[in-house]
C-alpha cells in the first residue's frame, strides 16, 4: 500500500467522489490555471489527480510519456474541503482521473490503491462518481465515465448504511 499520510486527516471524511478531467491532457499546472487563475478559487478543487501518459495538449502532436501514466499528484491538501462537488465538499475527498472516458490500467490501479488507503483509514467510507451526486445530476454530469458499481466491487465498498 502506498502511504500518502502520516496520520489520518482531522477533517471528517465520509465519502470519496471520483471525477474525470474531460480533457485528453492535463497537468497540475493546467488544473491550477483553470481553477485558481481562471475561476479565482483558492486552490485546485480536487485533492488528487491521476495522470495519464499524454504530455502535450491535443492541439499538438500527442507525445506519450509512460512515466506519467498512473502517477498520483497532490491537488488540494486533504485537511481542506475540496471544490469539486457542490454541497458535498465538506466531508469528501475529490479524485480526478485525467482523461475523458478511456483510462489506462495504470490509472485504474492507482485509483484503486488510493481508495484502499482511505478505506483503511475510514472503514465505512462511501464511493461515488460525480454523476451520482445531487450537484452532478443537476449539471447533467457523466463523469467519471466509468462503471461505479464495478469500481465499488473492485474496492469492496458498498454504499449501504452500516
Protein backbone atom coordinates (compact mmCIF):
# COMPACT_ATOMS: atom_id res chain seq x y z
CA UNK A 1 0.00 0.00 0.00
CA UNK A 2 1.27 3.48 -0.86
CA UNK A 3 1.45 5.70 2.21
CA UNK A 4 0.29 9.23 1.50
CA UNK A 5 -0.46 10.21 5.06
CA UNK A 6 1.47 10.11 8.30
CA UNK A 7 -1.80 10.31 10.18
CA UNK A 8 -5.49 10.28 9.47
CA UNK A 9 -6.75 13.69 8.31
CA UNK A 10 -8.55 15.51 11.13
CA UNK A 11 -11.34 16.68 8.84
CA UNK A 12 -14.42 14.43 8.89
CA UNK A 13 -14.45 12.38 5.68
CA UNK A 14 -17.29 10.03 4.80
CA UNK A 15 -17.12 9.76 1.00
CA UNK A 16 -14.81 9.74 -1.99
CA UNK A 17 -16.10 11.33 -5.19
CA UNK A 18 -14.46 10.35 -8.47
CA UNK A 19 -14.23 12.77 -11.39
CA UNK A 20 -12.54 12.95 -14.78
CA UNK A 21 -10.92 15.97 -16.39
CA UNK A 22 -12.98 15.68 -19.62
CA UNK A 23 -9.75 16.50 -21.46
CA UNK A 24 -7.21 14.25 -23.16
CA UNK A 25 -4.38 16.10 -21.48
CA UNK A 26 -3.83 17.85 -18.16
CA UNK A 27 -1.06 18.61 -15.70
CA UNK A 28 -1.14 20.00 -12.19
CA UNK A 29 -0.32 23.40 -13.70
CA UNK A 30 -3.25 23.03 -16.14
CA UNK A 31 -5.64 22.40 -13.19
CA UNK A 32 -4.09 25.28 -11.22
CA UNK A 33 -4.57 27.68 -14.14
CA UNK A 34 -8.18 26.55 -14.66
CA UNK A 35 -9.24 26.53 -11.02
CA UNK A 36 -7.17 29.31 -9.45
CA UNK A 37 -6.24 31.72 -12.24
CA UNK A 38 -9.41 31.47 -14.39
CA UNK A 39 -12.05 30.66 -11.73
CA UNK A 40 -10.49 32.54 -8.81
CA UNK A 41 -10.62 29.58 -6.41
CA UNK A 42 -8.14 29.37 -3.53
CA UNK A 43 -6.56 26.15 -4.85
CA UNK A 44 -7.12 23.19 -7.16
CA UNK A 45 -10.59 21.81 -6.47
CA UNK A 46 -9.57 18.13 -6.33
CA UNK A 47 -7.43 16.56 -3.62
CA UNK A 48 -5.73 14.14 -6.01
CA UNK A 49 -5.11 13.95 -9.75
CA UNK A 50 -4.28 10.70 -11.51
CA UNK A 51 -2.29 11.44 -14.64
CA UNK A 52 -2.35 9.70 -17.99
CA UNK A 53 0.59 9.30 -20.41
CA UNK A 54 -0.22 12.29 -22.62
CA UNK A 55 2.32 15.05 -22.23
CA UNK A 56 1.08 17.62 -24.76
CA UNK A 57 -2.29 19.26 -25.47
CA UNK A 58 -4.45 17.70 -28.19
CA UNK A 59 -3.81 20.72 -30.49
CA UNK A 60 -0.26 19.49 -30.95
CA UNK A 61 1.00 16.05 -31.86
CA UNK A 62 0.33 13.99 -28.75
CA UNK A 63 3.52 12.70 -27.24
CA UNK A 64 3.16 9.79 -24.84
CA UNK A 65 5.14 9.68 -21.63
CA UNK A 66 4.61 6.29 -19.95
CA UNK A 67 6.34 7.53 -16.77
CA UNK A 68 3.39 9.87 -16.11
CA UNK A 69 0.73 7.20 -16.66
CA UNK A 70 -0.98 6.45 -13.35
CA UNK A 71 1.06 8.99 -11.40
CA UNK A 72 -0.84 10.32 -8.39
CA UNK A 73 -0.35 14.05 -7.97
CA UNK A 74 -1.45 16.14 -4.99
CA UNK A 75 -4.06 18.77 -5.70
CA UNK A 76 -5.56 20.44 -2.63
CA UNK A 77 -4.49 19.47 0.90
CA UNK A 78 -6.83 16.79 2.28
CA UNK A 79 -7.24 18.79 5.51
CA UNK A 80 -9.10 21.42 3.48
CA UNK A 81 -12.55 20.82 1.98
CA UNK A 82 -12.43 20.50 -1.79
CA UNK A 83 -14.18 22.47 -4.51
CA UNK A 84 -15.23 19.58 -6.72
CA UNK A 85 -18.84 18.69 -5.89
CA UNK A 86 -21.16 21.47 -4.70
CA UNK A 87 -22.97 20.51 -1.50
CA UNK A 88 -20.67 17.56 -0.75
CA UNK A 89 -17.21 19.13 -0.45
CA UNK A 90 -17.12 19.46 3.32
CA UNK A 91 -16.86 15.73 4.08
CA UNK A 92 -15.48 14.30 0.85
CA UNK A 93 -12.23 13.61 -0.96
CA UNK A 94 -12.17 14.52 -4.65
CA UNK A 95 -10.09 12.41 -7.03
CA UNK A 96 -9.82 13.30 -10.71
CA UNK A 97 -8.70 10.92 -13.46
CA UNK A 98 -7.08 12.78 -16.35
CA UNK A 99 -8.98 11.78 -19.48
CA UNK A 100 -12.48 11.63 -20.88
CA UNK A 101 -13.72 8.06 -20.92
CA UNK A 102 -10.75 5.80 -21.66
CA UNK A 103 -8.42 5.30 -18.72
CA UNK A 104 -5.30 3.17 -18.62
CA UNK A 105 -4.79 0.13 -16.41
CA UNK A 106 -2.16 2.14 -14.52
CA UNK A 107 -4.65 4.94 -13.82
CA UNK A 108 -7.25 2.45 -12.55
CA UNK A 109 -4.62 0.66 -10.43
CA UNK A 110 -3.56 3.99 -8.88
CA UNK A 111 -7.19 4.95 -8.29
CA UNK A 112 -7.96 1.67 -6.51
CA UNK A 113 -4.73 1.96 -4.46
CA UNK A 114 -5.66 5.46 -3.32
CA UNK A 115 -9.22 4.40 -2.48
CA UNK A 116 -7.85 1.45 -0.50
CA UNK A 117 -5.74 3.80 1.61
CA UNK A 118 -8.77 5.89 2.50
CA UNK A 119 -10.78 2.74 3.16
CA UNK A 120 -8.10 1.66 5.65
CA UNK A 121 -8.43 4.99 7.50
CA UNK A 122 -12.23 5.19 7.14
CA UNK A 123 -13.66 1.64 7.06
CA UNK A 124 -17.22 2.90 6.38
CA UNK A 125 -16.30 5.32 3.60
CA UNK A 126 -18.66 5.53 0.62
CA UNK A 127 -17.62 5.80 -3.03
CA UNK A 128 -19.43 7.80 -5.71
CA UNK A 129 -18.99 9.08 -9.22
CA UNK A 130 -19.73 12.77 -9.65
CA UNK A 131 -22.72 11.86 -11.84
CA UNK A 132 -24.30 10.09 -8.84
CA UNK A 133 -24.24 13.18 -6.62
CA UNK A 134 -27.06 15.74 -6.43
CA UNK A 135 -24.97 18.53 -7.99
CA UNK A 136 -23.73 16.19 -10.72
CA UNK A 137 -27.28 15.11 -11.53
CA UNK A 138 -28.41 18.76 -11.74
CA UNK A 139 -25.47 19.57 -14.03
CA UNK A 140 -26.05 16.50 -16.22
CA UNK A 141 -22.59 15.11 -15.42
CA UNK A 142 -21.43 11.74 -16.71
CA UNK A 143 -18.00 11.85 -15.11
CA UNK A 144 -16.02 9.88 -14.28
CA UNK A 145 -17.40 7.91 -17.25
CA UNK A 146 -16.62 4.58 -15.61
CA UNK A 147 -18.92 1.95 -14.15
CA UNK A 148 -19.07 2.91 -10.48
CA UNK A 149 -20.71 -0.38 -9.46
CA UNK A 150 -17.70 -2.20 -10.95
CA UNK A 151 -15.28 0.15 -9.14
CA UNK A 152 -17.07 -0.26 -5.79
CA UNK A 153 -16.90 -4.03 -6.26
CA UNK A 154 -13.14 -3.88 -7.00
CA UNK A 155 -12.63 -1.81 -3.84
CA UNK A 156 -15.03 -3.92 -1.77
CA UNK A 157 -17.08 -0.86 -0.88
CA UNK A 158 -20.82 -0.84 -0.57
CA UNK A 159 -22.73 2.37 -0.19
CA UNK A 160 -25.19 0.61 2.08
CA UNK A 161 -25.80 2.00 5.54
CA UNK A 162 -23.80 0.06 8.13
